[in-house]
C-alpha atoms as a PDB file:
ATOM      1  CA  UNK A   1     -32.747   9.151 -41.624  1.00  0.00           C
ATOM      2  CA  UNK A   2     -33.767  12.450 -43.653  1.00  0.00           C
ATOM      3  CA  UNK A   3     -30.731  14.579 -44.299  1.00  0.00           C
ATOM      4  CA  UNK A   4     -30.817  18.384 -42.987  1.00  0.00           C
ATOM      5  CA  UNK A   5     -28.321  21.266 -44.179  1.00  0.00           C
ATOM      6  CA  UNK A   6     -25.534  22.611 -42.461  1.00  0.00           C
ATOM      7  CA  UNK A   7     -24.830  26.765 -42.497  1.00  0.00           C
ATOM      8  CA  UNK A   8     -22.543  28.772 -41.097  1.00  0.00           C
ATOM      9  CA  UNK A   9     -22.563  29.415 -37.502  1.00  0.00           C
ATOM     10  CA  UNK A  10     -25.831  27.600 -37.035  1.00  0.00           C
ATOM     11  CA  UNK A  11     -26.402  25.541 -33.834  1.00  0.00           C
ATOM     12  CA  UNK A  12     -27.537  22.065 -34.255  1.00  0.00           C
ATOM     13  CA  UNK A  13     -30.880  21.923 -32.384  1.00  0.00           C
ATOM     14  CA  UNK A  14     -32.708  18.830 -31.048  1.00  0.00           C
ATOM     15  CA  UNK A  15     -34.103  17.380 -34.321  1.00  0.00           C
ATOM     16  CA  UNK A  16     -31.490  18.546 -36.357  1.00  0.00           C
ATOM     17  CA  UNK A  17     -29.441  16.015 -38.553  1.00  0.00           C
ATOM     18  CA  UNK A  18     -26.235  16.467 -39.262  1.00  0.00           C
ATOM     19  CA  UNK A  19     -25.086  15.300 -42.966  1.00  0.00           C
ATOM     20  CA  UNK A  20     -21.633  14.399 -43.039  1.00  0.00           C
ATOM     21  CA  UNK A  21     -18.709  13.343 -40.747  1.00  0.00           C
ATOM     22  CA  UNK A  22     -17.525  14.186 -37.596  1.00  0.00           C
ATOM     23  CA  UNK A  23     -14.123  13.797 -35.602  1.00  0.00           C
ATOM     24  CA  UNK A  24     -15.416  11.015 -33.259  1.00  0.00           C
ATOM     25  CA  UNK A  25     -17.949   8.442 -33.600  1.00  0.00           C
ATOM     26  CA  UNK A  26     -20.576   8.778 -30.690  1.00  0.00           C
ATOM     27  CA  UNK A  27     -23.313   6.808 -29.648  1.00  0.00           C
ATOM     28  CA  UNK A  28     -27.099   7.807 -28.325  1.00  0.00           C
ATOM     29  CA  UNK A  29     -26.781  10.615 -25.652  1.00  0.00           C
ATOM     30  CA  UNK A  30     -23.240  10.303 -25.813  1.00  0.00           C
ATOM     31  CA  UNK A  31     -21.127  13.369 -25.796  1.00  0.00           C
ATOM     32  CA  UNK A  32     -18.224  13.353 -28.671  1.00  0.00           C
ATOM     33  CA  UNK A  33     -16.035  14.812 -26.079  1.00  0.00           C
ATOM     34  CA  UNK A  34     -13.725  16.767 -28.733  1.00  0.00           C
ATOM     35  CA  UNK A  35     -14.124  19.371 -30.962  1.00  0.00           C
ATOM     36  CA  UNK A  36     -13.514  18.432 -34.751  1.00  0.00           C
ATOM     37  CA  UNK A  37     -14.017  18.946 -38.236  1.00  0.00           C
ATOM     38  CA  UNK A  38     -17.071  17.949 -40.160  1.00  0.00           C
ATOM     39  CA  UNK A  39     -17.342  17.062 -43.965  1.00  0.00           C
ATOM     40  CA  UNK A  40     -20.596  17.460 -45.566  1.00  0.00           C
ATOM     41  CA  UNK A  41     -21.486  14.422 -47.457  1.00  0.00           C
ATOM     42  CA  UNK A  42     -22.987  15.692 -50.689  1.00  0.00           C
ATOM     43  CA  UNK A  43     -20.567  18.894 -51.042  1.00  0.00           C
ATOM     44  CA  UNK A  44     -17.450  17.819 -49.663  1.00  0.00           C
ATOM     45  CA  UNK A  45     -16.733  21.124 -47.799  1.00  0.00           C
ATOM     46  CA  UNK A  46     -15.287  21.183 -44.362  1.00  0.00           C
ATOM     47  CA  UNK A  47     -17.014  22.735 -41.238  1.00  0.00           C
ATOM     48  CA  UNK A  48     -16.116  22.771 -37.760  1.00  0.00           C
ATOM     49  CA  UNK A  49     -17.840  21.661 -34.942  1.00  0.00           C
ATOM     50  CA  UNK A  50     -17.642  23.637 -31.360  1.00  0.00           C
ATOM     51  CA  UNK A  51     -18.707  21.680 -28.103  1.00  0.00           C
ATOM     52  CA  UNK A  52     -20.454  18.485 -27.180  1.00  0.00           C
ATOM     53  CA  UNK A  53     -22.234  16.610 -29.749  1.00  0.00           C
ATOM     54  CA  UNK A  54     -24.945  13.634 -29.128  1.00  0.00           C
ATOM     55  CA  UNK A  55     -26.677  11.310 -30.962  1.00  0.00           C
ATOM     56  CA  UNK A  56     -30.252  10.678 -29.981  1.00  0.00           C
ATOM     57  CA  UNK A  57     -31.641   7.043 -30.373  1.00  0.00           C
ATOM     58  CA  UNK A  58     -33.216   8.113 -33.654  1.00  0.00           C
ATOM     59  CA  UNK A  59     -29.743   8.877 -35.055  1.00  0.00           C
ATOM     60  CA  UNK A  60     -30.115  12.776 -34.837  1.00  0.00           C
ATOM     61  CA  UNK A  61     -26.873  14.555 -33.950  1.00  0.00           C
ATOM     62  CA  UNK A  62     -27.913  17.338 -31.329  1.00  0.00           C
ATOM     63  CA  UNK A  63     -25.794  20.175 -29.701  1.00  0.00           C
ATOM     64  CA  UNK A  64     -22.673  21.930 -30.585  1.00  0.00           C
ATOM     65  CA  UNK A  65     -22.203  24.593 -33.227  1.00  0.00           C
ATOM     66  CA  UNK A  66     -20.911  24.666 -36.865  1.00  0.00           C
ATOM     67  CA  UNK A  67     -18.815  27.140 -38.099  1.00  0.00           C
ATOM     68  CA  UNK A  68     -16.906  27.747 -41.580  1.00  0.00           C
ATOM     69  CA  UNK A  69     -19.360  25.920 -44.096  1.00  0.00           C
ATOM     70  CA  UNK A  70     -21.028  27.757 -46.762  1.00  0.00           C
ATOM     71  CA  UNK A  71     -24.925  27.766 -46.490  1.00  0.00           C
ATOM     72  CA  UNK A  72     -25.852  24.818 -48.904  1.00  0.00           C
ATOM     73  CA  UNK A  73     -28.692  22.363 -48.343  1.00  0.00           C
ATOM     74  CA  UNK A  74     -27.380  18.869 -48.947  1.00  0.00           C
ATOM     75  CA  UNK A  75     -29.543  16.332 -50.984  1.00  0.00           C
ATOM     76  CA  UNK A  76     -32.268  15.101 -48.583  1.00  0.00           C
ATOM     77  CA  UNK A  77     -32.486  10.970 -48.615  1.00  0.00           C
ATOM     78  CA  UNK A  78     -34.396   8.110 -47.412  1.00  0.00           C
ATOM     79  CA  UNK A  79     -33.998   6.137 -44.398  1.00  0.00           C
ATOM     80  CA  UNK A  80     -30.962   4.406 -46.285  1.00  0.00           C
ATOM     81  CA  UNK A  81     -29.372   7.565 -47.484  1.00  0.00           C
ATOM     82  CA  UNK A  82     -25.713   6.855 -47.967  1.00  0.00           C
ATOM     83  CA  UNK A  83     -23.193   8.937 -46.229  1.00  0.00           C
ATOM     84  CA  UNK A  84     -20.000   9.267 -48.310  1.00  0.00           C
ATOM     85  CA  UNK A  85     -17.276   7.381 -46.535  1.00  0.00           C
ATOM     86  CA  UNK A  86     -19.348   6.586 -43.581  1.00  0.00           C
ATOM     87  CA  UNK A  87     -20.027   3.433 -42.047  1.00  0.00           C
ATOM     88  CA  UNK A  88     -23.896   2.799 -41.967  1.00  0.00           C
ATOM     89  CA  UNK A  89     -25.465   1.327 -38.705  1.00  0.00           C
ATOM     90  CA  UNK A  90     -28.719   0.598 -38.055  1.00  0.00           C
ATOM     91  CA  UNK A  91     -31.121  -0.158 -34.537  1.00  0.00           C
ATOM     92  CA  UNK A  92     -30.567   2.164 -31.342  1.00  0.00           C
ATOM     93  CA  UNK A  93     -26.977   2.648 -31.607  1.00  0.00           C
ATOM     94  CA  UNK A  94     -27.232   3.859 -35.300  1.00  0.00           C
ATOM     95  CA  UNK A  95     -24.955   6.769 -35.866  1.00  0.00           C
ATOM     96  CA  UNK A  96     -25.340   9.859 -38.092  1.00  0.00           C
ATOM     97  CA  UNK A  97     -21.715  10.264 -39.229  1.00  0.00           C
ATOM     98  CA  UNK A  98     -18.325   8.290 -39.276  1.00  0.00           C
ATOM     99  CA  UNK A  99     -15.094   9.757 -38.310  1.00  0.00           C
ATOM    100  CA  UNK A 100     -13.199  11.925 -40.625  1.00  0.00           C
ATOM    101  CA  UNK A 101      -9.536  10.399 -41.288  1.00  0.00           C
ATOM    102  CA  UNK A 102      -6.227  12.078 -41.513  1.00  0.00           C
ATOM    103  CA  UNK A 103      -4.812   9.360 -43.843  1.00  0.00           C
ATOM    104  CA  UNK A 104      -5.432   8.084 -47.365  1.00  0.00           C
ATOM    105  CA  UNK A 105      -4.476   4.482 -47.311  1.00  0.00           C
ATOM    106  CA  UNK A 106      -3.885   1.687 -44.887  1.00  0.00           C
ATOM    107  CA  UNK A 107      -0.883  -0.718 -45.389  1.00  0.00           C
ATOM    108  CA  UNK A 108      -0.387  -3.898 -43.418  1.00  0.00           C
ATOM    109  CA  UNK A 109       2.585  -6.236 -43.178  1.00  0.00           C
ATOM    110  CA  UNK A 110       1.867  -9.957 -43.484  1.00  0.00           C
ATOM    111  CA  UNK A 111       4.051 -12.291 -41.579  1.00  0.00           C
ATOM    112  CA  UNK A 112       3.263 -11.518 -37.928  1.00  0.00           C
ATOM    113  CA  UNK A 113       0.492  -9.218 -38.137  1.00  0.00           C
ATOM    114  CA  UNK A 114      -1.919 -10.980 -40.235  1.00  0.00           C
ATOM    115  CA  UNK A 115      -0.414 -14.544 -40.555  1.00  0.00           C
ATOM    116  CA  UNK A 116       1.166 -16.433 -37.297  1.00  0.00           C
ATOM    117  CA  UNK A 117       4.070 -17.466 -39.729  1.00  0.00           C
ATOM    118  CA  UNK A 118       7.284 -15.904 -38.255  1.00  0.00           C
ATOM    119  CA  UNK A 119       7.512 -18.882 -36.312  1.00  0.00           C
ATOM    120  CA  UNK A 120       7.247 -21.000 -39.377  1.00  0.00           C
ATOM    121  CA  UNK A 121       9.800 -19.274 -41.283  1.00  0.00           C
ATOM    122  CA  UNK A 122      12.334 -19.765 -38.394  1.00  0.00           C
ATOM    123  CA  UNK A 123      11.678 -23.578 -37.898  1.00  0.00           C
ATOM    124  CA  UNK A 124      11.781 -24.062 -41.684  1.00  0.00           C
ATOM    125  CA  UNK A 125      15.055 -22.467 -41.653  1.00  0.00           C
ATOM    126  CA  UNK A 126      16.458 -24.296 -38.591  1.00  0.00           C
ATOM    127  CA  UNK A 127      15.203 -27.654 -40.180  1.00  0.00           C
ATOM    128  CA  UNK A 128      17.302 -26.782 -43.486  1.00  0.00           C
ATOM    129  CA  UNK A 129      20.399 -26.003 -41.578  1.00  0.00           C
ATOM    130  CA  UNK A 130      19.976 -29.116 -39.356  1.00  0.00           C
ATOM    131  CA  UNK A 131      19.275 -30.889 -42.886  1.00  0.00           C
ATOM    132  CA  UNK A 132      22.966 -29.939 -43.778  1.00  0.00           C
ATOM    133  CA  UNK A 133      24.641 -30.218 -40.701  1.00  0.00           C
ATOM    134  CA  UNK A 134      25.021 -26.675 -39.915  1.00  0.00           C
ATOM    135  CA  UNK A 135      24.390 -25.312 -36.355  1.00  0.00           C
ATOM    136  CA  UNK A 136      22.325 -22.204 -36.188  1.00  0.00           C
ATOM    137  CA  UNK A 137      23.801 -18.860 -35.396  1.00  0.00           C
ATOM    138  CA  UNK A 138      22.398 -17.048 -32.307  1.00  0.00           C
ATOM    139  CA  UNK A 139      21.909 -13.883 -34.453  1.00  0.00           C
ATOM    140  CA  UNK A 140      20.181 -15.473 -37.838  1.00  0.00           C
ATOM    141  CA  UNK A 141      16.683 -15.579 -36.620  1.00  0.00           C
ATOM    142  CA  UNK A 142      16.497 -11.664 -35.961  1.00  0.00           C
ATOM    143  CA  UNK A 143      18.979 -11.126 -38.772  1.00  0.00           C
ATOM    144  CA  UNK A 144      16.599 -12.368 -41.227  1.00  0.00           C
ATOM    145  CA  UNK A 145      13.015 -11.376 -40.133  1.00  0.00           C
ATOM    146  CA  UNK A 146      12.272  -8.562 -42.802  1.00  0.00           C
ATOM    147  CA  UNK A 147      14.856  -9.468 -45.329  1.00  0.00           C
ATOM    148  CA  UNK A 148      13.675  -9.723 -49.203  1.00  0.00           C
ATOM    149  CA  UNK A 149      13.935 -13.318 -50.876  1.00  0.00           C
ATOM    150  CA  UNK A 150      17.295 -12.503 -52.527  1.00  0.00           C
ATOM    151  CA  UNK A 151      18.701 -11.286 -49.064  1.00  0.00           C
ATOM    152  CA  UNK A 152      17.769 -14.110 -46.880  1.00  0.00           C
ATOM    153  CA  UNK A 153      18.902 -16.602 -48.919  1.00  0.00           C
ATOM    154  CA  UNK A 154      22.270 -15.212 -49.472  1.00  0.00           C
ATOM    155  CA  UNK A 155      22.380 -15.305 -45.595  1.00  0.00           C
ATOM    156  CA  UNK A 156      21.310 -19.038 -45.467  1.00  0.00           C
ATOM    157  CA  UNK A 157      23.989 -19.899 -48.185  1.00  0.00           C
ATOM    158  CA  UNK A 158      26.896 -17.616 -46.742  1.00  0.00           C
ATOM    159  CA  UNK A 159      26.479 -16.943 -43.066  1.00  0.00           C
ATOM    160  CA  UNK A 160      24.511 -20.136 -42.049  1.00  0.00           C
ATOM    161  CA  UNK A 161      26.331 -22.219 -44.768  1.00  0.00           C
ATOM    162  CA  UNK A 162      23.285 -24.484 -46.380  1.00  0.00           C
ATOM    163  CA  UNK A 163      24.270 -26.435 -49.177  1.00  0.00           C
ATOM    164  CA  UNK A 164      24.399 -25.129 -52.474  1.00  0.00           C
ATOM    165  CA  UNK A 165      23.623 -21.689 -53.835  1.00  0.00           C
ATOM    166  CA  UNK A 166      21.177 -18.696 -52.512  1.00  0.00           C
ATOM    167  CA  UNK A 167      19.026 -19.853 -55.071  1.00  0.00           C
ATOM    168  CA  UNK A 168      19.004 -23.347 -53.902  1.00  0.00           C
ATOM    169  CA  UNK A 169      18.001 -22.207 -50.433  1.00  0.00           C
ATOM    170  CA  UNK A 170      15.399 -20.064 -51.517  1.00  0.00           C
ATOM    171  CA  UNK A 171      13.975 -22.426 -53.301  1.00  0.00           C
ATOM    172  CA  UNK A 172      13.877 -25.021 -50.381  1.00  0.00           C
ATOM    173  CA  UNK A 173      12.899 -22.682 -47.972  1.00  0.00           C
ATOM    174  CA  UNK A 174       9.883 -21.483 -50.064  1.00  0.00           C
ATOM    175  CA  UNK A 175       8.488 -24.912 -51.050  1.00  0.00           C
ATOM    176  CA  UNK A 176       8.774 -25.919 -47.499  1.00  0.00           C
ATOM    177  CA  UNK A 177       6.955 -22.937 -46.760  1.00  0.00           C
ATOM    178  CA  UNK A 178       4.100 -23.728 -49.187  1.00  0.00           C
ATOM    179  CA  UNK A 179       3.686 -27.290 -48.134  1.00  0.00           C
ATOM    180  CA  UNK A 180       2.992 -25.982 -44.537  1.00  0.00           C
ATOM    181  CA  UNK A 181       0.281 -23.031 -45.654  1.00  0.00           C
ATOM    182  CA  UNK A 182      -1.291 -26.000 -47.579  1.00  0.00           C
ATOM    183  CA  UNK A 183      -1.414 -28.186 -44.147  1.00  0.00           C
ATOM    184  CA  UNK A 184      -2.765 -25.136 -42.522  1.00  0.00           C
ATOM    185  CA  UNK A 185      -2.045 -21.467 -42.549  1.00  0.00           C
ATOM    186  CA  UNK A 186      -1.929 -19.978 -38.772  1.00  0.00           C
ATOM    187  CA  UNK A 187      -3.754 -16.305 -38.446  1.00  0.00           C
ATOM    188  CA  UNK A 188      -3.333 -13.644 -35.969  1.00  0.00           C
ATOM    189  CA  UNK A 189      -6.452 -13.484 -33.701  1.00  0.00           C
ATOM    190  CA  UNK A 190      -8.675 -10.972 -35.614  1.00  0.00           C
ATOM    191  CA  UNK A 191      -6.724 -10.933 -38.699  1.00  0.00           C
ATOM    192  CA  UNK A 192      -9.554 -10.996 -41.043  1.00  0.00           C
ATOM    193  CA  UNK A 193     -12.178  -9.128 -38.940  1.00  0.00           C
ATOM    194  CA  UNK A 194      -9.289  -6.208 -39.037  1.00  0.00           C
ATOM    195  CA  UNK A 195      -8.573  -6.331 -42.666  1.00  0.00           C
ATOM    196  CA  UNK A 196     -12.380  -5.783 -43.367  1.00  0.00           C
ATOM    197  CA  UNK A 197     -12.425  -2.891 -41.031  1.00  0.00           C
ATOM    198  CA  UNK A 198      -9.587  -1.072 -42.396  1.00  0.00           C
ATOM    199  CA  UNK A 199     -11.028  -1.772 -46.098  1.00  0.00           C
ATOM    200  CA  UNK A 200     -14.500  -0.265 -45.082  1.00  0.00           C
ATOM    201  CA  UNK A 201     -12.197   2.882 -44.409  1.00  0.00           C
ATOM    202  CA  UNK A 202      -9.407   3.264 -46.586  1.00  0.00           C
ATOM    203  CA  UNK A 203      -8.000   1.684 -49.733  1.00  0.00           C
ATOM    204  CA  UNK A 204      -5.702  -1.141 -48.837  1.00  0.00           C
ATOM    205  CA  UNK A 205      -1.817  -2.104 -49.579  1.00  0.00           C
ATOM    206  CA  UNK A 206       0.533  -4.617 -48.363  1.00  0.00           C
ATOM    207  CA  UNK A 207       4.077  -4.679 -48.063  1.00  0.00           C
ATOM    208  CA  UNK A 208       5.680  -8.110 -47.156  1.00  0.00           C
ATOM    209  CA  UNK A 209       9.057 -10.010 -47.233  1.00  0.00           C
ATOM    210  CA  UNK A 210       7.315 -12.785 -48.359  1.00  0.00           C
ATOM    211  CA  UNK A 211       7.939 -14.139 -51.611  1.00  0.00           C
ATOM    212  CA  UNK A 212       4.835 -13.409 -54.233  1.00  0.00           C
ATOM    213  CA  UNK A 213       3.650 -17.037 -54.464  1.00  0.00           C
ATOM    214  CA  UNK A 214       3.565 -17.024 -50.631  1.00  0.00           C
ATOM    215  CA  UNK A 215       1.452 -13.831 -50.268  1.00  0.00           C
ATOM    216  CA  UNK A 216      -0.646 -14.582 -52.902  1.00  0.00           C
ATOM    217  CA  UNK A 217      -1.755 -18.179 -51.258  1.00  0.00           C
ATOM    218  CA  UNK A 218      -2.030 -16.282 -47.890  1.00  0.00           C
ATOM    219  CA  UNK A 219      -4.183 -13.499 -48.505  1.00  0.00           C
ATOM    220  CA  UNK A 220      -6.506 -15.792 -50.899  1.00  0.00           C
ATOM    221  CA  UNK A 221      -6.700 -18.530 -48.111  1.00  0.00           C
ATOM    222  CA  UNK A 222      -7.916 -15.745 -45.688  1.00  0.00           C
ATOM    223  CA  UNK A 223     -10.333 -14.740 -48.364  1.00  0.00           C
ATOM    224  CA  UNK A 224      -9.345 -11.032 -48.456  1.00  0.00           C
ATOM    225  CA  UNK A 225      -6.935 -10.792 -51.764  1.00  0.00           C
ATOM    226  CA  UNK A 226     -10.053  -8.724 -53.572  1.00  0.00           C
ATOM    227  CA  UNK A 227      -9.810  -6.124 -50.763  1.00  0.00           C
ATOM    228  CA  UNK A 228      -6.352  -5.132 -51.358  1.00  0.00           C
ATOM    229  CA  UNK A 229      -5.611  -2.482 -54.061  1.00  0.00           C
ATOM    230  CA  UNK A 230      -2.026  -3.467 -54.188  1.00  0.00           C
ATOM    231  CA  UNK A 231       0.597  -5.891 -52.761  1.00  0.00           C
ATOM    232  CA  UNK A 232       4.446  -5.695 -52.828  1.00  0.00           C
ATOM    233  CA  UNK A 233       6.627  -8.286 -52.046  1.00  0.00           C
ATOM    234  CA  UNK A 234      10.278  -7.130 -51.504  1.00  0.00           C
ATOM    235  CA  UNK A 235      11.768  -9.516 -53.538  1.00  0.00           C
ATOM    236  CA  UNK A 236       9.967  -6.571 -56.149  1.00  0.00           C
ATOM    237  CA  UNK A 237      12.118  -3.977 -55.131  1.00  0.00           C
ATOM    238  CA  UNK A 238      15.739  -3.441 -54.662  1.00  0.00           C
ATOM    239  CA  UNK A 239      15.870  -3.593 -50.926  1.00  0.00           C
ATOM    240  CA  UNK A 240      14.021  -5.147 -48.135  1.00  0.00           C
ATOM    241  CA  UNK A 241      13.556  -4.128 -44.693  1.00  0.00           C
ATOM    242  CA  UNK A 242      14.689  -2.061 -42.639  1.00  0.00           C
ATOM    243  CA  UNK A 243      15.147  -0.486 -45.903  1.00  0.00           C
ATOM    244  CA  UNK A 244      11.493   1.581 -46.885  1.00  0.00           C
ATOM    245  CA  UNK A 245      11.529   0.773 -50.455  1.00  0.00           C
ATOM    246  CA  UNK A 246       8.667  -1.900 -50.193  1.00  0.00           C
ATOM    247  CA  UNK A 247       6.495   0.495 -48.440  1.00  0.00           C
ATOM    248  CA  UNK A 248       7.407   3.481 -50.946  1.00  0.00           C
ATOM    249  CA  UNK A 249       6.416   1.222 -53.481  1.00  0.00           C
ATOM    250  CA  UNK A 250       3.247   0.277 -51.907  1.00  0.00           C
ATOM    251  CA  UNK A 251       2.427   3.988 -51.609  1.00  0.00           C
ATOM    252  CA  UNK A 252       3.621   4.862 -54.918  1.00  0.00           C
ATOM    253  CA  UNK A 253       1.036   2.054 -56.421  1.00  0.00           C
ATOM    254  CA  UNK A 254      -1.675   3.260 -54.075  1.00  0.00           C
ATOM    255  CA  UNK A 255      -1.152   7.004 -55.405  1.00  0.00           C
ATOM    256  CA  UNK A 256      -0.656   8.511 -51.811  1.00  0.00           C
ATOM    257  CA  UNK A 257       2.035  10.171 -50.394  1.00  0.00           C
ATOM    258  CA  UNK A 258       3.734   7.936 -47.788  1.00  0.00           C
ATOM    259  CA  UNK A 259       3.138  10.742 -44.947  1.00  0.00           C
ATOM    260  CA  UNK A 260      -0.771  10.201 -45.640  1.00  0.00           C
ATOM    261  CA  UNK A 261      -0.501   6.448 -45.230  1.00  0.00           C
ATOM    262  CA  UNK A 262      -0.445   4.432 -42.018  1.00  0.00           C
ATOM    263  CA  UNK A 263       0.621   0.837 -41.700  1.00  0.00           C
ATOM    264  CA  UNK A 264       0.665  -2.154 -39.182  1.00  0.00           C
ATOM    265  CA  UNK A 265       3.928  -3.500 -38.615  1.00  0.00           C
ATOM    266  CA  UNK A 266       5.275  -6.380 -35.909  1.00  0.00           C
ATOM    267  CA  UNK A 267       8.935  -6.340 -36.302  1.00  0.00           C
ATOM    268  CA  UNK A 268      12.031  -4.097 -35.428  1.00  0.00           C
ATOM    269  CA  UNK A 269      13.071  -4.118 -39.396  1.00  0.00           C
ATOM    270  CA  UNK A 270       9.566  -3.759 -40.502  1.00  0.00           C
ATOM    271  CA  UNK A 271       8.880  -0.443 -38.313  1.00  0.00           C
ATOM    272  CA  UNK A 272      12.248   1.052 -39.109  1.00  0.00           C
ATOM    273  CA  UNK A 273      11.373   0.503 -43.003  1.00  0.00           C
ATOM    274  CA  UNK A 274       7.889   2.126 -42.595  1.00  0.00           C
ATOM    275  CA  UNK A 275       9.154   4.942 -40.283  1.00  0.00           C
ATOM    276  CA  UNK A 276      12.073   5.561 -42.702  1.00  0.00           C
ATOM    277  CA  UNK A 277       9.386   5.748 -45.705  1.00  0.00           C
ATOM    278  CA  UNK A 278       7.442   8.575 -43.512  1.00  0.00           C
ATOM    279  CA  UNK A 279       4.517   6.626 -42.446  1.00  0.00           C
ATOM    280  CA  UNK A 280       2.910   6.485 -39.266  1.00  0.00           C
ATOM    281  CA  UNK A 281       3.669   3.340 -37.835  1.00  0.00           C
ATOM    282  CA  UNK A 282       1.181   0.936 -35.674  1.00  0.00           C
ATOM    283  CA  UNK A 283       3.081  -1.578 -33.705  1.00  0.00           C
ATOM    284  CA  UNK A 284       1.387  -5.104 -33.505  1.00  0.00           C
ATOM    285  CA  UNK A 285       4.190  -6.922 -31.063  1.00  0.00           C
ATOM    286  CA  UNK A 286       4.219 -10.597 -31.786  1.00  0.00           C
ATOM    287  CA  UNK A 287       5.073 -13.039 -29.186  1.00  0.00           C
ATOM    288  CA  UNK A 288       7.803 -14.070 -31.294  1.00  0.00           C
ATOM    289  CA  UNK A 289      10.857 -11.751 -31.396  1.00  0.00           C
ATOM    290  CA  UNK A 290       9.086  -8.377 -30.544  1.00  0.00           C
ATOM    291  CA  UNK A 291      10.482  -5.247 -31.873  1.00  0.00           C
ATOM    292  CA  UNK A 292      13.084  -3.111 -29.856  1.00  0.00           C
ATOM    293  CA  UNK A 293      12.414  -0.340 -27.467  1.00  0.00           C
ATOM    294  CA  UNK A 294      13.940   1.916 -30.036  1.00  0.00           C
ATOM    295  CA  UNK A 295      11.866   0.712 -32.837  1.00  0.00           C
ATOM    296  CA  UNK A 296       8.665   0.967 -30.460  1.00  0.00           C
ATOM    297  CA  UNK A 297       9.686   4.972 -30.123  1.00  0.00           C
ATOM    298  CA  UNK A 298       9.112   5.178 -33.746  1.00  0.00           C
ATOM    299  CA  UNK A 299       5.358   4.005 -33.838  1.00  0.00           C
ATOM    300  CA  UNK A 300       2.280   5.871 -33.245  1.00  0.00           C
ATOM    301  CA  UNK A 301       0.367   3.598 -30.961  1.00  0.00           C
ATOM    302  CA  UNK A 302       1.410   0.120 -29.790  1.00  0.00           C
ATOM    303  CA  UNK A 303      -1.609  -2.483 -29.793  1.00  0.00           C
ATOM    304  CA  UNK A 304      -1.855  -5.651 -27.726  1.00  0.00           C
ATOM    305  CA  UNK A 305      -4.263  -7.392 -30.169  1.00  0.00           C
ATOM    306  CA  UNK A 306      -5.827  -6.563 -33.946  1.00  0.00           C
ATOM    307  CA  UNK A 307      -9.198  -6.038 -32.087  1.00  0.00           C
ATOM    308  CA  UNK A 308      -7.833  -2.539 -31.102  1.00  0.00           C
ATOM    309  CA  UNK A 309      -7.309  -2.105 -34.954  1.00  0.00           C
ATOM    310  CA  UNK A 310     -10.231   0.204 -35.745  1.00  0.00           C
ATOM    311  CA  UNK A 311     -11.466   3.215 -37.309  1.00  0.00           C
ATOM    312  CA  UNK A 312     -11.939   5.262 -33.938  1.00  0.00           C
ATOM    313  CA  UNK A 313      -8.292   4.057 -33.384  1.00  0.00           C
ATOM    314  CA  UNK A 314      -7.180   6.109 -36.997  1.00  0.00           C
ATOM    315  CA  UNK A 315      -9.279   9.180 -35.769  1.00  0.00           C
ATOM    316  CA  UNK A 316      -7.125   9.583 -32.712  1.00  0.00           C
ATOM    317  CA  UNK A 317      -3.970   9.019 -34.138  1.00  0.00           C
ATOM    318  CA  UNK A 318      -1.692  12.386 -34.390  1.00  0.00           C
END
C-alpha cells in the first residue's frame, strides 16, 4: 500500500490513500459517519476531515476533504509501510488508518477487572474470621473493597476482631490468597485480550489494592506483566481507594497528566478514586458488589464485558 500526500483543502479522490490516522476506524465502503482530525504518519501534523470517508477493498480512503495540513509529501512506503500509532490489518478489511486518541495512557485495576478474585478475597477473610470465632459484620465486605493492605488488615484486626495484630491479619490473608492463586487464578472473561488491545494503543499502567506480591503473581500468570509500563500497589502510597493516591502515582510514573489518562474500574471505591484523580473512568461492573448509582454517575461509560474495551470505544469517549 503506497502512501500519498495530504495537503490544504485537497479532496481525496478515488484511488488516493490517506497517510495518517482518522477519527473513526472504517471498513471497505463503509462511511466514517463523522468529521474528525487526521494526523500524518510521517510529519505528525494535524489536519481535519470534512464529510464521509470511505475505505475501498484495496485499503484506499476515498471521499471527504482535508483542511489545515501543510503541503508536504509523506514518505512513500511499500505494502507493509508502518503507520505511526496505527494497527496494521491485512486482507479485504485492511484499513488505511487507526483512530486518533484523546488519551496518553490506560490504567487498569486488577481485582474484579482483570482477575475474578473479589469473591476470593471475601471468602478468605470470612474463613479467617470463622477460624477465630468472630461473626462477619454486614458492612465489612463493601468497606474493605479498595482499601490498601495496611487499611484492610487494620480493619480485620480492629473491627472484625481477628486474633493478633494487623500485621498478623495481613500475613494470614496474603498467604491464603497466594495458595489460592497457585491452585487456580480465575480471570475475567476477555481479560488477556483486553490488555493486549489496550497495549497496542497506549502505554499501560495498573493501580491495585492488592499487595505487590499478588499483583506480580497475577500478571505473570496472565502472561502480560511485560506489557505494563508501571504497576502500583496502594500499599506503596499513603492512602488506598477511594483516595486517588494509587492512580495519581501510576500517572506520575507514566509521565502523563491524569486528565489525559483513562482507566477501567469495577468497584465504588475504585471509581471514586480514579474520578478524584481526574481520570476518565470506564466501569466494568462485576457480579460481585456492583458499584453504586452515584459511583456510576462519575464514569464516562459502563461496559458489560471486557470485549467492549476497544480502540473504537476510546475514540468515542468525550
